[in-house]
C-alpha atoms as a PDB file:
ATOM      1  CA  MET A   1      42.318 -64.366 -17.097  1.00  0.00           C
ATOM      2  CA  ASP A   2      45.600 -64.280 -15.725  1.00  0.00           C
ATOM      3  CA  THR A   3      45.281 -63.338 -12.456  1.00  0.00           C
ATOM      4  CA  PHE A   4      42.450 -66.096 -12.224  1.00  0.00           C
ATOM      5  CA  ALA A   5      44.886 -68.462 -13.743  1.00  0.00           C
ATOM      6  CA  LEU A   6      47.061 -67.503 -11.927  1.00  0.00           C
ATOM      7  CA  PHE A   7      45.500 -67.872  -8.387  1.00  0.00           C
ATOM      8  CA  ILE A   8      43.829 -71.492  -9.525  1.00  0.00           C
ATOM      9  CA  HIS A   9      47.201 -72.722  -9.786  1.00  0.00           C
ATOM     10  CA  TYR A  10      48.538 -71.461  -6.192  1.00  0.00           C
ATOM     11  CA  SER A  11      45.523 -72.851  -5.325  1.00  0.00           C
ATOM     12  CA  LEU A  12      46.146 -76.452  -6.936  1.00  0.00           C
ATOM     13  CA  ILE A  13      49.439 -76.088  -4.897  1.00  0.00           C
ATOM     14  CA  THR A  14      48.344 -74.864  -2.242  1.00  0.00           C
ATOM     15  CA  ILE A  15      45.638 -78.558  -1.866  1.00  0.00           C
ATOM     16  CA  LYS A  16      48.309 -80.450  -3.260  1.00  0.00           C
ATOM     17  CA  SER A  17      50.740 -79.909   0.267  1.00  0.00           C
ATOM     18  CA  ARG A  18      47.268 -79.923   2.244  1.00  0.00           C
ATOM     19  CA  PHE A  19      45.725 -83.025   1.232  1.00  0.00           C
ATOM     20  CA  GLN A  20      49.581 -84.735   0.190  1.00  0.00           C
ATOM     21  CA  TYR A  21      48.538 -87.711   3.138  1.00  0.00           C
ATOM     22  CA  LYS A  22      44.901 -87.949   2.757  1.00  0.00           C
ATOM     23  CA  VAL A  23      43.678 -90.312   6.473  1.00  0.00           C
ATOM     24  CA  ASP A  24      45.690 -87.281   8.111  1.00  0.00           C
ATOM     25  CA  ALA A  25      44.119 -84.372   5.929  1.00  0.00           C
ATOM     26  CA  ILE A  26      40.146 -86.057   6.420  1.00  0.00           C
ATOM     27  CA  PHE A  27      41.128 -86.454  10.079  1.00  0.00           C
ATOM     28  CA  ARG A  28      42.396 -83.096  10.095  1.00  0.00           C
ATOM     29  CA  SER A  29      38.923 -81.856   8.473  1.00  0.00           C
ATOM     30  CA  LEU A  30      36.502 -84.325  10.714  1.00  0.00           C
ATOM     31  CA  ALA A  31      38.888 -82.840  13.917  1.00  0.00           C
ATOM     32  CA  VAL A  32      37.642 -79.328  12.949  1.00  0.00           C
ATOM     33  CA  PHE A  33      34.139 -80.266  12.345  1.00  0.00           C
ATOM     34  CA  LEU A  34      33.874 -82.012  15.836  1.00  0.00           C
ATOM     35  CA  ARG A  35      35.624 -79.712  18.228  1.00  0.00           C
ATOM     36  CA  GLU A  36      33.085 -76.749  16.654  1.00  0.00           C
ATOM     37  CA  SER A  37      30.476 -78.847  17.365  1.00  0.00           C
ATOM     38  CA  ALA A  38      30.786 -78.974  20.294  1.00  0.00           C
ATOM     39  CA  SER A  39      29.587 -76.054  21.249  1.00  0.00           C
ATOM     40  CA  ILE A  40      26.316 -76.890  19.062  1.00  0.00           C
ATOM     41  CA  ILE A  41      26.105 -79.945  21.734  1.00  0.00           C
ATOM     42  CA  ILE A  42      26.290 -77.701  24.637  1.00  0.00           C
ATOM     43  CA  ILE A  43      23.509 -75.471  23.232  1.00  0.00           C
ATOM     44  CA  TYR A  44      20.983 -77.955  22.691  1.00  0.00           C
ATOM     45  CA  PHE A  45      21.768 -79.701  26.153  1.00  0.00           C
ATOM     46  CA  MET A  46      21.297 -76.444  28.214  1.00  0.00           C
ATOM     47  CA  LEU A  47      17.802 -75.712  25.932  1.00  0.00           C
ATOM     48  CA  LEU A  48      16.836 -78.998  26.734  1.00  0.00           C
ATOM     49  CA  LYS A  49      15.826 -77.444  30.801  1.00  0.00           C
ATOM     50  CA  PHE A  50      15.850 -74.100  29.588  1.00  0.00           C
ATOM     51  CA  GLU A  51      13.591 -74.369  25.989  1.00  0.00           C
ATOM     52  CA  ASN A  52      14.821 -70.924  24.668  1.00  0.00           C
ATOM     53  CA  ILE A  53      16.897 -67.799  25.068  1.00  0.00           C
ATOM     54  CA  ASN A  54      14.076 -65.081  24.634  1.00  0.00           C
ATOM     55  CA  GLY A  55      12.244 -66.492  22.204  1.00  0.00           C
ATOM     56  CA  TRP A  56      14.780 -68.592  20.760  1.00  0.00           C
ATOM     57  CA  ASN A  57      14.208 -71.411  19.900  1.00  0.00           C
ATOM     58  CA  ILE A  58      16.799 -74.760  19.512  1.00  0.00           C
ATOM     59  CA  ASP A  59      16.135 -74.239  15.544  1.00  0.00           C
ATOM     60  CA  GLU A  60      16.548 -70.444  15.450  1.00  0.00           C
ATOM     61  CA  LEU A  61      20.347 -70.703  17.003  1.00  0.00           C
ATOM     62  CA  LEU A  62      21.072 -73.143  15.356  1.00  0.00           C
ATOM     63  CA  PHE A  63      20.293 -70.367  12.146  1.00  0.00           C
ATOM     64  CA  LEU A  64      22.455 -67.982  13.633  1.00  0.00           C
ATOM     65  CA  PHE A  65      25.393 -70.390  13.819  1.00  0.00           C
ATOM     66  CA  SER A  66      25.422 -71.772  10.372  1.00  0.00           C
ATOM     67  CA  PHE A  67      25.953 -67.782   9.206  1.00  0.00           C
ATOM     68  CA  ILE A  68      28.951 -68.260  11.291  1.00  0.00           C
ATOM     69  CA  PHE A  69      30.418 -70.877  10.677  1.00  0.00           C
ATOM     70  CA  PHE A  70      29.589 -71.370   6.803  1.00  0.00           C
ATOM     71  CA  THR A  71      30.794 -67.797   6.399  1.00  0.00           C
ATOM     72  CA  TYR A  72      34.557 -68.648   8.351  1.00  0.00           C
ATOM     73  CA  GLY A  73      34.474 -71.745   6.206  1.00  0.00           C
ATOM     74  CA  LEU A  74      34.846 -69.280   2.827  1.00  0.00           C
ATOM     75  CA  LEU A  75      36.524 -66.447   4.588  1.00  0.00           C
ATOM     76  CA  ILE A  76      39.543 -68.922   6.129  1.00  0.00           C
ATOM     77  CA  LEU A  77      39.778 -70.150   1.740  1.00  0.00           C
ATOM     78  CA  PHE A  78      41.080 -66.307   0.902  1.00  0.00           C
ATOM     79  CA  PHE A  79      42.375 -65.050   4.317  1.00  0.00           C
ATOM     80  CA  THR A  80      44.255 -67.021   5.396  1.00  0.00           C
ATOM     81  CA  GLY A  81      47.072 -65.475   5.065  1.00  0.00           C
ATOM     82  CA  PHE A  82      45.930 -62.534   6.991  1.00  0.00           C
ATOM     83  CA  ARG A  83      44.436 -64.583   9.629  1.00  0.00           C
ATOM     84  CA  ASP A  84      48.700 -65.435  10.083  1.00  0.00           C
ATOM     85  CA  PHE A  85      50.106 -62.267   8.741  1.00  0.00           C
ATOM     86  CA  GLU A  86      52.095 -61.188  11.776  1.00  0.00           C
ATOM     87  CA  ASN A  87      54.296 -64.650  11.283  1.00  0.00           C
ATOM     88  CA  MET A  88      55.490 -62.790   7.607  1.00  0.00           C
ATOM     89  CA  VAL A  89      56.382 -59.416   9.181  1.00  0.00           C
ATOM     90  CA  ASN A  90      58.320 -60.973  12.280  1.00  0.00           C
ATOM     91  CA  LYS A  91      60.467 -63.223   9.817  1.00  0.00           C
ATOM     92  CA  GLY A  92      60.738 -60.894   7.156  1.00  0.00           C
ATOM     93  CA  SER A  93      59.303 -63.444   4.612  1.00  0.00           C
ATOM     94  CA  LEU A  94      56.858 -60.621   3.423  1.00  0.00           C
ATOM     95  CA  ASP A  95      60.214 -59.303   1.476  1.00  0.00           C
ATOM     96  CA  ARG A  96      60.011 -61.925  -1.420  1.00  0.00           C
ATOM     97  CA  PHE A  97      56.039 -61.058  -1.583  1.00  0.00           C
ATOM     98  CA  LEU A  98      57.009 -57.217  -2.076  1.00  0.00           C
ATOM     99  CA  LEU A  99      59.644 -57.900  -4.964  1.00  0.00           C
ATOM    100  CA  ARG A 100      56.966 -59.865  -6.990  1.00  0.00           C
ATOM    101  CA  PRO A 101      55.147 -58.174  -9.595  1.00  0.00           C
ATOM    102  CA  ARG A 102      52.026 -58.787  -8.676  1.00  0.00           C
ATOM    103  CA  GLY A 103      49.756 -56.901  -5.882  1.00  0.00           C
ATOM    104  CA  LEU A 104      50.255 -57.960  -2.508  1.00  0.00           C
ATOM    105  CA  VAL A 105      46.902 -58.571  -0.968  1.00  0.00           C
ATOM    106  CA  PHE A 106      46.738 -61.003  -4.588  1.00  0.00           C
ATOM    107  CA  GLN A 107      49.645 -62.860  -3.102  1.00  0.00           C
ATOM    108  CA  ILE A 108      48.634 -63.019   0.051  1.00  0.00           C
ATOM    109  CA  ILE A 109      45.344 -64.573  -0.359  1.00  0.00           C
ATOM    110  CA  SER A 110      46.578 -66.923  -3.025  1.00  0.00           C
ATOM    111  CA  SER A 111      49.431 -68.261  -1.364  1.00  0.00           C
ATOM    112  CA  ASN A 112      48.117 -70.044   1.794  1.00  0.00           C
ATOM    113  CA  ALA A 113      44.291 -71.304   2.637  1.00  0.00           C
ATOM    114  CA  ASP A 114      43.915 -73.772   5.498  1.00  0.00           C
ATOM    115  CA  TRP A 115      42.043 -76.059   3.736  1.00  0.00           C
ATOM    116  CA  PHE A 116      40.778 -77.683   6.912  1.00  0.00           C
ATOM    117  CA  ALA A 117      39.142 -75.283   8.776  1.00  0.00           C
ATOM    118  CA  ALA A 118      37.089 -74.717   5.504  1.00  0.00           C
ATOM    119  CA  ILE A 119      35.950 -78.206   5.346  1.00  0.00           C
ATOM    120  CA  GLY A 120      35.429 -78.691   9.253  1.00  0.00           C
ATOM    121  CA  HIS A 121      33.719 -75.039   9.501  1.00  0.00           C
ATOM    122  CA  GLY A 122      32.061 -75.154   6.217  1.00  0.00           C
ATOM    123  CA  CYS A 123      30.397 -78.490   6.287  1.00  0.00           C
ATOM    124  CA  LEU A 124      29.189 -77.693   9.719  1.00  0.00           C
ATOM    125  CA  GLY A 125      27.806 -74.289   8.620  1.00  0.00           C
ATOM    126  CA  LEU A 126      25.715 -75.991   5.917  1.00  0.00           C
ATOM    127  CA  VAL A 127      24.667 -79.267   7.426  1.00  0.00           C
ATOM    128  CA  LEU A 128      22.803 -76.141  10.041  1.00  0.00           C
ATOM    129  CA  PHE A 129      22.065 -74.314   8.095  1.00  0.00           C
ATOM    130  CA  ILE A 130      19.624 -77.207   6.092  1.00  0.00           C
ATOM    131  CA  TYR A 131      18.771 -78.768   9.203  1.00  0.00           C
ATOM    132  CA  SER A 132      17.822 -75.341  11.175  1.00  0.00           C
ATOM    133  CA  ALA A 133      15.863 -73.731   7.891  1.00  0.00           C
ATOM    134  CA  GLY A 134      14.315 -77.127   7.081  1.00  0.00           C
ATOM    135  CA  GLN A 135      12.870 -76.758  10.612  1.00  0.00           C
ATOM    136  CA  ILE A 136      11.800 -73.118  11.137  1.00  0.00           C
ATOM    137  CA  ASN A 137       9.932 -73.609   7.547  1.00  0.00           C
ATOM    138  CA  VAL A 138      11.869 -70.815   6.117  1.00  0.00           C
ATOM    139  CA  ASP A 139       9.338 -70.067   3.037  1.00  0.00           C
ATOM    140  CA  TRP A 140      12.057 -69.434   0.411  1.00  0.00           C
ATOM    141  CA  ASN A 141      11.942 -67.055  -2.460  1.00  0.00           C
ATOM    142  CA  THR A 142      14.230 -65.694  -5.275  1.00  0.00           C
ATOM    143  CA  THR A 143      13.965 -62.401  -3.218  1.00  0.00           C
ATOM    144  CA  LEU A 144      15.047 -64.406   0.162  1.00  0.00           C
ATOM    145  CA  VAL A 145      17.413 -66.509  -2.011  1.00  0.00           C
ATOM    146  CA  LEU A 146      19.129 -63.739  -2.862  1.00  0.00           C
ATOM    147  CA  TYR A 147      19.697 -61.795   0.321  1.00  0.00           C
ATOM    148  CA  CYS A 148      21.120 -64.770   1.715  1.00  0.00           C
ATOM    149  CA  ILE A 149      23.879 -65.064  -0.866  1.00  0.00           C
ATOM    150  CA  VAL A 150      24.754 -61.321  -0.451  1.00  0.00           C
ATOM    151  CA  SER A 151      24.682 -61.622   2.997  1.00  0.00           C
ATOM    152  CA  VAL A 152      27.199 -64.720   2.999  1.00  0.00           C
ATOM    153  CA  ILE A 153      29.426 -62.334   1.038  1.00  0.00           C
ATOM    154  CA  SER A 154      28.780 -59.196   3.219  1.00  0.00           C
ATOM    155  CA  GLY A 155      29.316 -61.960   6.060  1.00  0.00           C
ATOM    156  CA  VAL A 156      32.920 -62.944   4.878  1.00  0.00           C
ATOM    157  CA  LEU A 157      33.875 -59.794   3.620  1.00  0.00           C
ATOM    158  CA  ILE A 158      33.143 -58.247   7.800  1.00  0.00           C
ATOM    159  CA  GLN A 159      35.305 -60.783   8.910  1.00  0.00           C
ATOM    160  CA  GLY A 160      37.969 -60.523   6.269  1.00  0.00           C
ATOM    161  CA  ALA A 161      37.923 -57.134   7.229  1.00  0.00           C
ATOM    162  CA  LEU A 162      38.835 -57.491  10.593  1.00  0.00           C
ATOM    163  CA  PHE A 163      41.758 -59.662   9.513  1.00  0.00           C
ATOM    164  CA  LEU A 164      42.898 -57.542   7.224  1.00  0.00           C
ATOM    165  CA  PHE A 165      42.882 -54.710   9.874  1.00  0.00           C
ATOM    166  CA  ILE A 166      44.702 -56.194  12.503  1.00  0.00           C
ATOM    167  CA  ALA A 167      47.340 -57.361   9.202  1.00  0.00           C
ATOM    168  CA  SER A 168      47.702 -53.700   8.999  1.00  0.00           C
ATOM    169  CA  LEU A 169      48.975 -52.922  12.401  1.00  0.00           C
ATOM    170  CA  SER A 170      51.706 -55.644  11.865  1.00  0.00           C
ATOM    171  CA  PHE A 171      53.489 -53.302  10.272  1.00  0.00           C
ATOM    172  CA  THR A 172      53.885 -50.961  13.293  1.00  0.00           C
ATOM    173  CA  LEU A 173      53.019 -52.998  16.093  1.00  0.00           C
ATOM    174  CA  ILE A 174      54.749 -56.651  14.518  1.00  0.00           C
ATOM    175  CA  LYS A 175      53.167 -58.651  17.170  1.00  0.00           C
ATOM    176  CA  VAL A 176      49.274 -58.625  16.962  1.00  0.00           C
ATOM    177  CA  THR A 177      48.491 -62.186  18.641  1.00  0.00           C
ATOM    178  CA  ASN A 178      46.793 -60.426  21.534  1.00  0.00           C
ATOM    179  CA  ILE A 179      44.674 -57.553  19.389  1.00  0.00           C
ATOM    180  CA  ARG A 180      43.290 -60.270  17.426  1.00  0.00           C
ATOM    181  CA  ASN A 181      42.170 -62.879  20.057  1.00  0.00           C
ATOM    182  CA  ILE A 182      40.240 -60.054  21.731  1.00  0.00           C
ATOM    183  CA  LEU A 183      38.333 -58.210  18.781  1.00  0.00           C
ATOM    184  CA  TYR A 184      37.845 -61.484  16.233  1.00  0.00           C
ATOM    185  CA  TRP A 185      37.859 -64.866  18.639  1.00  0.00           C
ATOM    186  CA  ASN A 186      36.748 -63.745  22.137  1.00  0.00           C
ATOM    187  CA  THR A 187      34.569 -61.279  19.909  1.00  0.00           C
ATOM    188  CA  ARG A 188      32.901 -64.204  17.900  1.00  0.00           C
ATOM    189  CA  LYS A 189      31.813 -66.115  21.270  1.00  0.00           C
ATOM    190  CA  PHE A 190      28.927 -63.791  21.175  1.00  0.00           C
ATOM    191  CA  ALA A 191      27.765 -63.980  18.157  1.00  0.00           C
ATOM    192  CA  GLY A 192      26.365 -67.216  18.073  1.00  0.00           C
ATOM    193  CA  TYR A 193      23.453 -65.591  20.576  1.00  0.00           C
ATOM    194  CA  PRO A 194      20.863 -63.368  20.020  1.00  0.00           C
ATOM    195  CA  LEU A 195      21.884 -60.114  20.194  1.00  0.00           C
ATOM    196  CA  SER A 196      19.488 -59.094  22.802  1.00  0.00           C
ATOM    197  CA  ILE A 197      19.952 -61.330  25.603  1.00  0.00           C
ATOM    198  CA  PHE A 198      23.011 -58.928  26.129  1.00  0.00           C
ATOM    199  CA  HIS A 199      23.659 -55.696  27.756  1.00  0.00           C
ATOM    200  CA  GLY A 200      24.335 -52.831  25.391  1.00  0.00           C
ATOM    201  CA  SER A 201      27.726 -52.076  26.256  1.00  0.00           C
ATOM    202  CA  ILE A 202      28.149 -55.994  24.311  1.00  0.00           C
ATOM    203  CA  GLN A 203      24.809 -54.787  21.637  1.00  0.00           C
ATOM    204  CA  PHE A 204      27.217 -51.965  21.113  1.00  0.00           C
ATOM    205  CA  LEU A 205      30.559 -53.755  20.483  1.00  0.00           C
ATOM    206  CA  LEU A 206      28.820 -56.441  18.181  1.00  0.00           C
ATOM    207  CA  ILE A 207      26.743 -53.513  15.662  1.00  0.00           C
ATOM    208  CA  TYR A 208      29.603 -50.815  15.917  1.00  0.00           C
ATOM    209  CA  ILE A 209      32.687 -51.722  16.517  1.00  0.00           C
ATOM    210  CA  VAL A 210      33.006 -55.185  15.520  1.00  0.00           C
ATOM    211  CA  PRO A 211      29.609 -55.598  13.748  1.00  0.00           C
ATOM    212  CA  PHE A 212      29.416 -59.423  14.228  1.00  0.00           C
ATOM    213  CA  ALA A 213      25.710 -58.621  14.149  1.00  0.00           C
ATOM    214  CA  PHE A 214      25.730 -58.068  10.470  1.00  0.00           C
ATOM    215  CA  VAL A 215      27.126 -61.320   9.703  1.00  0.00           C
ATOM    216  CA  ASN A 216      24.137 -63.388  11.422  1.00  0.00           C
ATOM    217  CA  TYR A 217      21.909 -61.689  13.568  1.00  0.00           C
ATOM    218  CA  PHE A 218      20.423 -58.975  11.450  1.00  0.00           C
ATOM    219  CA  PRO A 219      20.231 -60.938   8.172  1.00  0.00           C
ATOM    220  CA  ALA A 220      18.662 -63.620  10.464  1.00  0.00           C
ATOM    221  CA  GLN A 221      15.896 -61.296  11.273  1.00  0.00           C
ATOM    222  CA  PHE A 222      15.369 -60.652   7.931  1.00  0.00           C
ATOM    223  CA  ILE A 223      13.740 -64.130   7.634  1.00  0.00           C
ATOM    224  CA  LEU A 224      12.766 -64.837  11.164  1.00  0.00           C
ATOM    225  CA  ARG A 225      11.550 -61.393  12.265  1.00  0.00           C
ATOM    226  CA  LYS A 226      11.588 -62.583  16.400  1.00  0.00           C
ATOM    227  CA  ALA A 227      10.215 -59.978  19.215  1.00  0.00           C
ATOM    228  CA  ASP A 228      12.847 -59.166  19.777  1.00  0.00           C
ATOM    229  CA  LEU A 229      13.798 -57.513  16.310  1.00  0.00           C
ATOM    230  CA  ILE A 230      11.732 -54.242  18.160  1.00  0.00           C
ATOM    231  CA  ASP A 231      14.923 -52.827  19.991  1.00  0.00           C
ATOM    232  CA  PHE A 232      17.184 -52.274  17.108  1.00  0.00           C
ATOM    233  CA  PRO A 233      16.493 -50.201  13.829  1.00  0.00           C
ATOM    234  CA  ILE A 234      14.656 -52.086  11.142  1.00  0.00           C
ATOM    235  CA  ALA A 235      16.556 -50.686   8.700  1.00  0.00           C
ATOM    236  CA  TYR A 236      19.244 -52.352  10.011  1.00  0.00           C
ATOM    237  CA  ILE A 237      17.791 -55.970   8.301  1.00  0.00           C
ATOM    238  CA  TYR A 238      17.806 -54.105   5.222  1.00  0.00           C
ATOM    239  CA  ILE A 239      21.714 -52.953   4.935  1.00  0.00           C
ATOM    240  CA  ALA A 240      23.711 -55.854   6.596  1.00  0.00           C
ATOM    241  CA  PRO A 241      24.142 -57.093   2.929  1.00  0.00           C
ATOM    242  CA  CYS A 242      26.035 -53.865   2.270  1.00  0.00           C
ATOM    243  CA  VAL A 243      28.217 -53.816   5.434  1.00  0.00           C
ATOM    244  CA  GLY A 244      30.759 -55.806   4.413  1.00  0.00           C
ATOM    245  CA  PHE A 245      31.673 -54.629   1.250  1.00  0.00           C
ATOM    246  CA  VAL A 246      32.106 -50.620   2.236  1.00  0.00           C
ATOM    247  CA  LEU A 247      34.210 -52.254   5.675  1.00  0.00           C
ATOM    248  CA  TYR A 248      36.444 -53.800   2.984  1.00  0.00           C
ATOM    249  CA  ALA A 249      37.080 -50.897   1.308  1.00  0.00           C
ATOM    250  CA  LEU A 250      37.662 -48.789   4.559  1.00  0.00           C
ATOM    251  CA  SER A 251      40.013 -51.547   5.657  1.00  0.00           C
ATOM    252  CA  TYR A 252      41.806 -51.907   2.729  1.00  0.00           C
ATOM    253  CA  CYS A 253      42.743 -48.200   2.489  1.00  0.00           C
ATOM    254  CA  TYR A 254      44.056 -48.454   5.849  1.00  0.00           C
ATOM    255  CA  TRP A 255      46.100 -50.690   4.822  1.00  0.00           C
ATOM    256  CA  ARG A 256      47.437 -49.619   1.881  1.00  0.00           C
ATOM    257  CA  TYR A 257      47.893 -46.376   4.298  1.00  0.00           C
ATOM    258  CA  SER A 258      50.035 -48.658   7.255  1.00  0.00           C
ATOM    259  CA  LEU A 259      51.994 -50.029   4.285  1.00  0.00           C
ATOM    260  CA  ARG A 260      54.166 -47.065   4.223  1.00  0.00           C
ATOM    261  CA  PHE A 261      55.241 -47.785   7.693  1.00  0.00           C
ATOM    262  CA  TYR A 262      56.314 -51.622   7.098  1.00  0.00           C
ATOM    263  CA  LYS A 263      60.266 -52.052   7.554  1.00  0.00           C
ATOM    264  CA  SER A 264      61.994 -55.409   7.146  1.00  0.00           C
ATOM    265  CA  THR A 265      62.393 -57.472  10.602  1.00  0.00           C
ATOM    266  CA  GLY A 266      65.238 -59.243   9.062  1.00  0.00           C
ATOM    267  CA  ASN A 267      65.483 -62.917   9.825  1.00  0.00           C
END
């Protein structure tokens, strides 16, 4: 309870600092929402010409995108510190966290949250999910609801594990911006589309190296059962809700190992 209370206290301080200028905060959140909406608008106009992509229509593609945006909205509430972790190492500000009588991961998670990105991405993801699920007439039941909830948590942990792994590299490499761009941001651009349209090397990347396929494609296939699911082992749609927990545990172990090699860079 003490840890939870401290987390809430940290969060309230972060919210107060982020939303000190309310009008600016509203417009910054709106800017994120509109910026990310641009990719959806492009997809929409493209499909006015082609109608579908490998059997996936616009509503089903929006369903794929909704998982990406909504999970990132949740992710960035907890993993902003790891997204920007190299700055702490580079500037030497990590030292003050190491001197405090609390867990390092807890402090990093609690001390920073990008609320503007969380609101922008999260609201867009929620809007897309509600709209697309209604259009494709998902027959909701208890199993599907529970599956979606656990899959969203797993999707957050998959991306959190990637941030944690890249943050761990900062202990030895110091600057990891380009690694993060390649492993996360550039790879994420593939994730909004059906996995089956890509070359086998890209499919391998999205399943086994940077497993974005388990963030949205396989959870969506559990509900939609599109014809291209035949290209992949059916077991993947059932293990998707577990992947995030396993991957995060492995990344955390690597984090603990890499922490041994940290040396302050000064200021």
